Amino acid sequence: MTATDNPAPLPRHIAIATLLCLGCAFAGNHVAARVAFDDGAGVLLAILMRSGGTLLALGMLVWWQRQPIRLPPGAWRWQLVLGLLIATQSICLYSAVARVPVAIALLVANVFPILLVLLTWGLGGPKPTARRAILMGVILVGLVFVLDVPGRLSSGERMQPEWILGIALAFTAATVFAVALWITDHKLSTLRGSVRSMLTMSIVFSTSAIAGFSGVLPGGLDLPASSTGWTALATLVVLYCTGFTLLFVSVPRLDMPRNAPVMNIEPVATLIMGWIVLDQMLAMGQIFGGLIVIAGIVLLSYKKD
């Protein structure tokens, strides 16, 4: 293997700064999506534009690298399943963002590491260690505070149906994303990352287009009512497309096994941006729970030596 195949990792402070910027870009994408939804934009329209822009960027990358689009025998069906899962995850997460505060939707959706650990164990993988089991319990306790369960119980307040649906959609997004990661790691790991992602985005784009034009999700392709919504849509496309593509280009040099937990800045950045842009301020107990969730996920992401 040549030096080009194994590029030298970036200095750690640069790698961490890069990942922090990428996490903030993904956070901004979700906040921009909520602005667009509040202006009347449909969920499928946002996904269609986002996946279309990312597909174009990845297609150019694959063309520039002269990568053959060939899949190993039997891999096509797994690639199709992966694309459908990511499409489902996108629809569920954006639908959750449209219904509940963005930070809460992201925090619930970010429990996917727990689900991935449990899924891997259930499908014959290693049993979670005592340390991991404790951390998963800590994350769940944090979620109890994020959802303000103690406050609602003490006040006797009932959760609104829209709120319950939003939380359920965010959890569904976490579940299908965990399955998608398992398939990527166990069924498609030999496929070049940029090719796999390009094919995945093409399936997400096609699925969103079919769902939108067939009327499966009423209002899914509704247009924004003003320039504010169009600006928000353009912003989410630029942020997601740039972040996703740069992550793929840079990942060989970012020492991800060591630095990946830095990406958990996303829910924190979402909380701050949601407050500034959307005036979505969480209660102190919810913020405390969010910090517990993020800390637990960071520790869960680190492999103990």
Protein backbone atom coordinates (compact mmCIF):
# COMPACT_ATOMS: atom_id res chain seq x y z
CA MET A 1 0.00 0.00 0.00
CA THR A 2 1.38 3.45 -0.90
CA ALA A 3 1.64 6.54 1.22
CA THR A 4 -1.28 7.96 -0.76
CA ASP A 5 -3.48 5.08 0.41
CA ASN A 6 -2.57 5.84 4.03
CA PRO A 7 -2.34 9.65 4.32
CA ALA A 8 -0.64 11.00 7.41
CA PRO A 9 -3.11 12.02 10.14
CA LEU A 10 -3.55 15.70 10.83
CA PRO A 11 -2.17 17.17 14.07
CA ARG A 12 -4.70 16.39 16.75
CA HIS A 13 -5.64 20.01 17.47
CA ILE A 14 -6.44 20.54 13.77
CA ALA A 15 -8.39 17.26 13.58
CA ILE A 16 -10.44 18.22 16.65
CA ALA A 17 -11.09 21.73 15.30
CA THR A 18 -12.23 20.21 11.99
CA LEU A 19 -14.62 17.83 13.73
CA LEU A 20 -16.00 20.64 15.90
CA CYS A 21 -16.73 22.67 12.76
CA LEU A 22 -18.38 19.68 11.09
CA GLY A 23 -20.53 19.02 14.17
CA CYS A 24 -21.65 22.66 14.18
CA ALA A 25 -22.45 22.46 10.46
CA PHE A 26 -24.71 19.44 11.04
CA ALA A 27 -26.34 21.23 13.97
CA GLY A 28 -26.96 24.31 11.82
CA ASN A 29 -28.56 22.08 9.20
CA HIS A 30 -31.22 20.95 11.67
CA VAL A 31 -31.89 24.44 12.98
CA ALA A 32 -32.23 25.74 9.41
CA ALA A 33 -34.63 22.87 8.70
CA ARG A 34 -36.88 23.96 11.59
CA VAL A 35 -36.89 27.54 10.26
CA ALA A 36 -37.96 26.20 6.85
CA PHE A 37 -40.67 23.99 8.36
CA ASP A 38 -42.03 26.88 10.40
CA ASP A 39 -42.31 28.80 7.12
CA GLY A 40 -44.40 26.05 5.55
CA ALA A 41 -41.75 23.94 3.77
CA GLY A 42 -42.47 20.21 3.53
CA VAL A 43 -40.22 17.62 5.15
CA LEU A 44 -39.72 15.70 1.90
CA LEU A 45 -38.79 18.88 0.05
CA ALA A 46 -35.98 19.52 2.53
CA ILE A 47 -34.74 15.93 2.29
CA LEU A 48 -34.98 16.00 -1.50
CA MET A 49 -32.90 19.16 -1.74
CA ARG A 50 -30.39 18.01 0.87
CA SER A 51 -29.86 14.55 -0.57
CA GLY A 52 -29.79 15.92 -4.14
CA GLY A 53 -27.03 18.40 -3.33
CA THR A 54 -25.02 15.80 -1.43
CA LEU A 55 -25.50 13.25 -4.23
CA LEU A 56 -24.14 15.74 -6.75
CA ALA A 57 -21.09 16.48 -4.59
CA LEU A 58 -20.37 12.80 -3.94
CA GLY A 59 -20.88 11.95 -7.60
CA MET A 60 -18.26 14.53 -8.55
CA LEU A 61 -15.92 13.12 -5.91
CA VAL A 62 -16.32 9.55 -7.20
CA TRP A 63 -15.78 10.77 -10.78
CA TRP A 64 -12.69 12.79 -9.80
CA GLN A 65 -11.20 9.77 -7.98
CA ARG A 66 -12.07 7.54 -10.96
CA GLN A 67 -13.69 5.00 -8.66
CA PRO A 68 -15.54 2.08 -10.29
CA ILE A 69 -19.13 1.65 -9.16
CA ARG A 70 -18.95 -2.08 -8.63
CA LEU A 71 -20.42 -3.93 -5.69
CA PRO A 72 -19.33 -7.36 -4.47
CA PRO A 73 -21.72 -10.26 -5.17
CA GLY A 74 -24.77 -10.10 -2.93
CA ALA A 75 -24.02 -6.54 -1.78
CA TRP A 76 -26.68 -4.80 -3.87
CA ARG A 77 -29.56 -5.92 -1.67
CA TRP A 78 -27.74 -4.68 1.45
CA GLN A 79 -26.97 -1.38 -0.27
CA LEU A 80 -30.65 -0.99 -1.11
CA VAL A 81 -31.65 -1.74 2.49
CA LEU A 82 -29.05 0.75 3.74
CA GLY A 83 -30.39 3.48 1.46
CA LEU A 84 -33.99 2.85 2.55
CA LEU A 85 -32.97 2.92 6.21
CA ILE A 86 -31.16 6.25 5.80
CA ALA A 87 -34.17 7.63 3.93
CA THR A 88 -36.41 6.53 6.82
CA GLN A 89 -34.01 8.03 9.34
CA SER A 90 -33.97 11.35 7.48
CA ILE A 91 -37.76 11.53 7.27
CA CYS A 92 -38.25 10.59 10.93
CA LEU A 93 -35.61 13.00 12.24
CA TYR A 94 -36.78 15.97 10.19
CA SER A 95 -40.39 15.18 11.15
CA ALA A 96 -39.32 15.17 14.81
CA VAL A 97 -37.47 18.47 14.36
CA ALA A 98 -40.69 19.95 12.95
CA ARG A 99 -42.64 18.96 16.10
CA VAL A 100 -40.40 19.34 19.16
CA PRO A 101 -37.47 21.61 20.11
CA VAL A 102 -34.53 20.80 17.84
CA ALA A 103 -32.13 20.06 20.70
CA ILE A 104 -34.52 17.50 22.24
CA ALA A 105 -35.02 15.76 18.89
CA LEU A 106 -31.25 15.54 18.42
CA LEU A 107 -30.61 14.28 21.95
CA VAL A 108 -33.20 11.51 21.60
CA ALA A 109 -31.88 10.58 18.14
CA ASN A 110 -28.33 10.44 19.49
CA VAL A 111 -29.06 7.39 21.64
CA PHE A 112 -28.23 5.28 18.58
CA PRO A 113 -24.87 4.14 20.11
CA ILE A 114 -26.85 2.33 22.85
CA LEU A 115 -29.09 0.67 20.28
CA LEU A 116 -26.09 -0.29 18.15
CA VAL A 117 -24.38 -1.96 21.11
CA LEU A 118 -27.55 -3.89 21.96
CA LEU A 119 -28.19 -4.83 18.31
CA THR A 120 -24.63 -6.07 17.84
CA TRP A 121 -24.94 -8.17 21.00
CA GLY A 122 -28.34 -9.54 19.95
CA LEU A 123 -26.95 -10.60 16.55
CA GLY A 124 -24.09 -12.59 18.04
CA GLY A 125 -21.58 -9.86 18.82
CA PRO A 126 -19.77 -9.25 22.09
CA LYS A 127 -21.79 -8.75 25.26
CA PRO A 128 -21.71 -5.18 26.63
CA THR A 129 -19.16 -4.82 29.40
CA ALA A 130 -20.21 -3.66 32.86
CA ARG A 131 -18.73 -0.23 32.07
CA ARG A 132 -20.82 0.10 28.91
CA ALA A 133 -23.96 -1.10 30.67
CA ILE A 134 -23.51 1.54 33.38
CA LEU A 135 -22.92 4.27 30.80
CA MET A 136 -26.04 3.25 28.88
CA GLY A 137 -28.02 3.47 32.09
CA VAL A 138 -26.58 6.94 32.77
CA ILE A 139 -27.61 8.08 29.26
CA LEU A 140 -31.15 6.85 29.81
CA VAL A 141 -31.32 8.71 33.14
CA GLY A 142 -30.19 11.84 31.31
CA LEU A 143 -32.96 11.38 28.77
CA VAL A 144 -35.53 11.25 31.59
CA PHE A 145 -34.45 14.79 32.52
CA VAL A 146 -34.24 15.94 28.88
CA LEU A 147 -37.88 14.94 28.41
CA ASP A 148 -38.70 16.69 31.71
CA VAL A 149 -40.42 13.58 33.05
CA PRO A 150 -40.00 14.58 36.75
CA GLY A 151 -41.50 18.04 36.12
CA ARG A 152 -44.44 16.64 34.17
CA LEU A 153 -45.16 14.01 36.83
CA SER A 154 -45.04 16.53 39.68
CA SER A 155 -47.32 18.98 37.86
CA GLY A 156 -49.67 16.33 36.52
CA GLU A 157 -49.20 17.76 33.03
CA ARG A 158 -49.99 15.38 30.19
CA MET A 159 -47.77 15.21 27.12
CA GLN A 160 -49.41 16.60 24.01
CA PRO A 161 -49.94 14.11 21.16
CA GLU A 162 -47.68 16.19 18.88
CA TRP A 163 -44.90 16.03 21.48
CA ILE A 164 -45.26 12.26 21.91
CA LEU A 165 -45.19 11.79 18.13
CA GLY A 166 -42.07 13.93 17.83
CA ILE A 167 -40.22 11.93 20.50
CA ALA A 168 -41.34 8.65 18.92
CA LEU A 169 -40.09 9.80 15.52
CA ALA A 170 -36.72 10.81 16.96
CA PHE A 171 -36.35 7.43 18.66
CA THR A 172 -37.32 5.66 15.43
CA ALA A 173 -34.62 7.67 13.66
CA ALA A 174 -32.10 6.45 16.24
CA THR A 175 -33.24 2.84 15.82
CA VAL A 176 -33.04 2.70 12.03
CA PHE A 177 -29.70 4.55 12.07
CA ALA A 178 -28.28 1.93 14.44
CA VAL A 179 -29.42 -0.82 12.05
CA ALA A 180 -27.88 1.12 9.13
CA LEU A 181 -24.55 1.34 10.96
CA TRP A 182 -24.62 -2.39 11.68
CA ILE A 183 -25.23 -3.16 8.00
CA THR A 184 -22.45 -0.78 6.97
CA ASP A 185 -19.99 -2.42 9.35
CA HIS A 186 -20.96 -6.06 8.77
CA LYS A 187 -22.28 -6.26 5.20
CA LEU A 188 -20.76 -3.37 3.24
CA SER A 189 -17.44 -2.72 4.95
CA THR A 190 -15.42 -3.73 1.86
CA LEU A 191 -17.13 -1.12 -0.32
CA ARG A 192 -15.35 2.21 -0.82
CA GLY A 193 -16.92 4.78 1.49
CA SER A 194 -17.56 7.48 -1.09
CA VAL A 195 -19.18 4.98 -3.50
CA ARG A 196 -21.35 3.52 -0.73
CA SER A 197 -22.44 6.99 0.37
CA MET A 198 -23.16 8.12 -3.19
CA LEU A 199 -25.35 5.08 -3.78
CA THR A 200 -27.04 5.61 -0.42
CA MET A 201 -27.82 9.24 -1.24
CA SER A 202 -29.18 8.24 -4.65
CA ILE A 203 -31.63 5.88 -2.92
CA VAL A 204 -32.58 8.56 -0.36
CA PHE A 205 -33.18 11.05 -3.19
CA SER A 206 -35.23 8.58 -5.23
CA THR A 207 -37.26 7.44 -2.22
CA SER A 208 -38.04 11.03 -1.21
CA ALA A 209 -39.09 11.91 -4.75
CA ILE A 210 -41.38 8.87 -5.03
CA ALA A 211 -42.89 9.49 -1.59
CA GLY A 212 -43.43 13.15 -2.37
CA PHE A 213 -44.98 12.87 -5.81
CA SER A 214 -47.12 9.86 -4.86
CA GLY A 215 -48.69 11.74 -1.95
CA VAL A 216 -47.70 9.15 0.65
CA LEU A 217 -46.74 11.96 3.02
CA PRO A 218 -49.31 14.76 2.55
CA GLY A 219 -47.69 18.17 2.36
CA GLY A 220 -44.24 16.64 2.06
CA LEU A 221 -43.34 18.79 -0.96
CA ASP A 222 -45.02 22.00 0.20
CA LEU A 223 -43.05 25.12 -0.71
CA PRO A 224 -42.00 27.75 1.84
CA ALA A 225 -44.30 30.72 2.17
CA SER A 226 -41.57 33.37 2.04
CA SER A 227 -37.94 34.06 1.25
CA THR A 228 -37.09 33.14 4.85
CA GLY A 229 -38.02 29.53 4.20
CA TRP A 230 -36.14 29.40 0.90
CA THR A 231 -33.04 30.88 2.55
CA ALA A 232 -33.29 28.29 5.31
CA LEU A 233 -33.57 25.48 2.75
CA ALA A 234 -30.54 26.77 0.87
CA THR A 235 -28.64 27.04 4.16
CA LEU A 236 -29.41 23.48 5.24
CA VAL A 237 -28.35 22.15 1.82
CA VAL A 238 -25.03 24.03 1.94
CA LEU A 239 -24.30 23.07 5.56
CA TYR A 240 -25.19 19.38 5.21
CA CYS A 241 -23.60 18.92 1.80
CA THR A 242 -20.38 20.69 2.84
CA GLY A 243 -20.16 18.90 6.17
CA PHE A 244 -20.92 15.45 4.77
CA THR A 245 -18.53 15.76 1.83
CA LEU A 246 -15.69 17.27 3.87
CA LEU A 247 -16.11 14.53 6.45
CA PHE A 248 -15.64 11.91 3.74
CA VAL A 249 -12.65 13.67 2.20
CA SER A 250 -10.99 14.28 5.57
CA VAL A 251 -11.88 11.11 7.49
CA PRO A 252 -8.67 9.20 6.58
CA ARG A 253 -6.66 11.96 8.26
CA LEU A 254 -8.87 12.65 11.29
CA ASP A 255 -7.93 9.59 13.41
CA MET A 256 -11.63 8.85 13.97
CA PRO A 257 -11.20 5.97 16.48
CA ARG A 258 -9.56 8.50 18.78
CA ASN A 259 -11.36 11.72 17.90
CA ALA A 260 -14.91 10.66 16.88
CA PRO A 261 -16.47 11.56 20.28
CA VAL A 262 -15.75 15.22 19.46
CA MET A 263 -18.66 15.03 16.97
CA ASN A 264 -21.00 14.94 19.96
CA ILE A 265 -20.68 18.72 19.97
CA GLU A 266 -23.70 18.62 17.62
CA PRO A 267 -26.45 18.51 20.30
CA VAL A 268 -24.67 21.25 22.29
CA ALA A 269 -24.36 23.46 19.22
CA THR A 270 -28.00 22.71 18.38
CA LEU A 271 -29.07 23.81 21.86
CA ILE A 272 -27.20 27.11 21.50
CA MET A 273 -28.36 27.76 17.92
CA GLY A 274 -31.93 26.79 18.79
CA TRP A 275 -31.90 29.38 21.56
CA ILE A 276 -30.38 32.13 19.39
CA VAL A 277 -32.27 31.48 16.15
CA LEU A 278 -35.53 29.87 17.28
CA ASP A 279 -35.84 31.15 20.85
CA GLN A 280 -36.15 27.50 21.97
CA MET A 281 -34.80 27.60 25.50
CA LEU A 282 -34.89 24.43 27.59
CA ALA A 283 -35.41 24.34 31.35
CA MET A 284 -32.33 23.96 33.55
CA GLY A 285 -33.28 20.37 34.34
CA GLN A 286 -33.45 19.56 30.62
CA ILE A 287 -30.08 21.19 29.98
CA PHE A 288 -28.63 19.19 32.89
CA GLY A 289 -30.07 16.01 31.40
CA GLY A 290 -28.66 16.91 27.98
CA LEU A 291 -25.18 17.30 29.44
CA ILE A 292 -25.54 13.87 31.08
CA VAL A 293 -26.57 12.33 27.75
CA ILE A 294 -23.70 13.93 25.85
CA ALA A 295 -21.12 12.98 28.49
CA GLY A 296 -22.40 9.39 28.53
CA ILE A 297 -22.26 9.11 24.74
CA VAL A 298 -18.73 10.55 24.64
CA LEU A 299 -17.54 8.03 27.25
CA LEU A 300 -19.40 5.22 25.49
CA SER A 301 -17.66 6.13 22.24
CA TYR A 302 -14.21 5.79 23.75
CA LYS A 303 -12.77 2.31 23.69
CA LYS A 304 -11.25 1.44 27.01
CA ASP A 305 -7.67 0.20 26.64
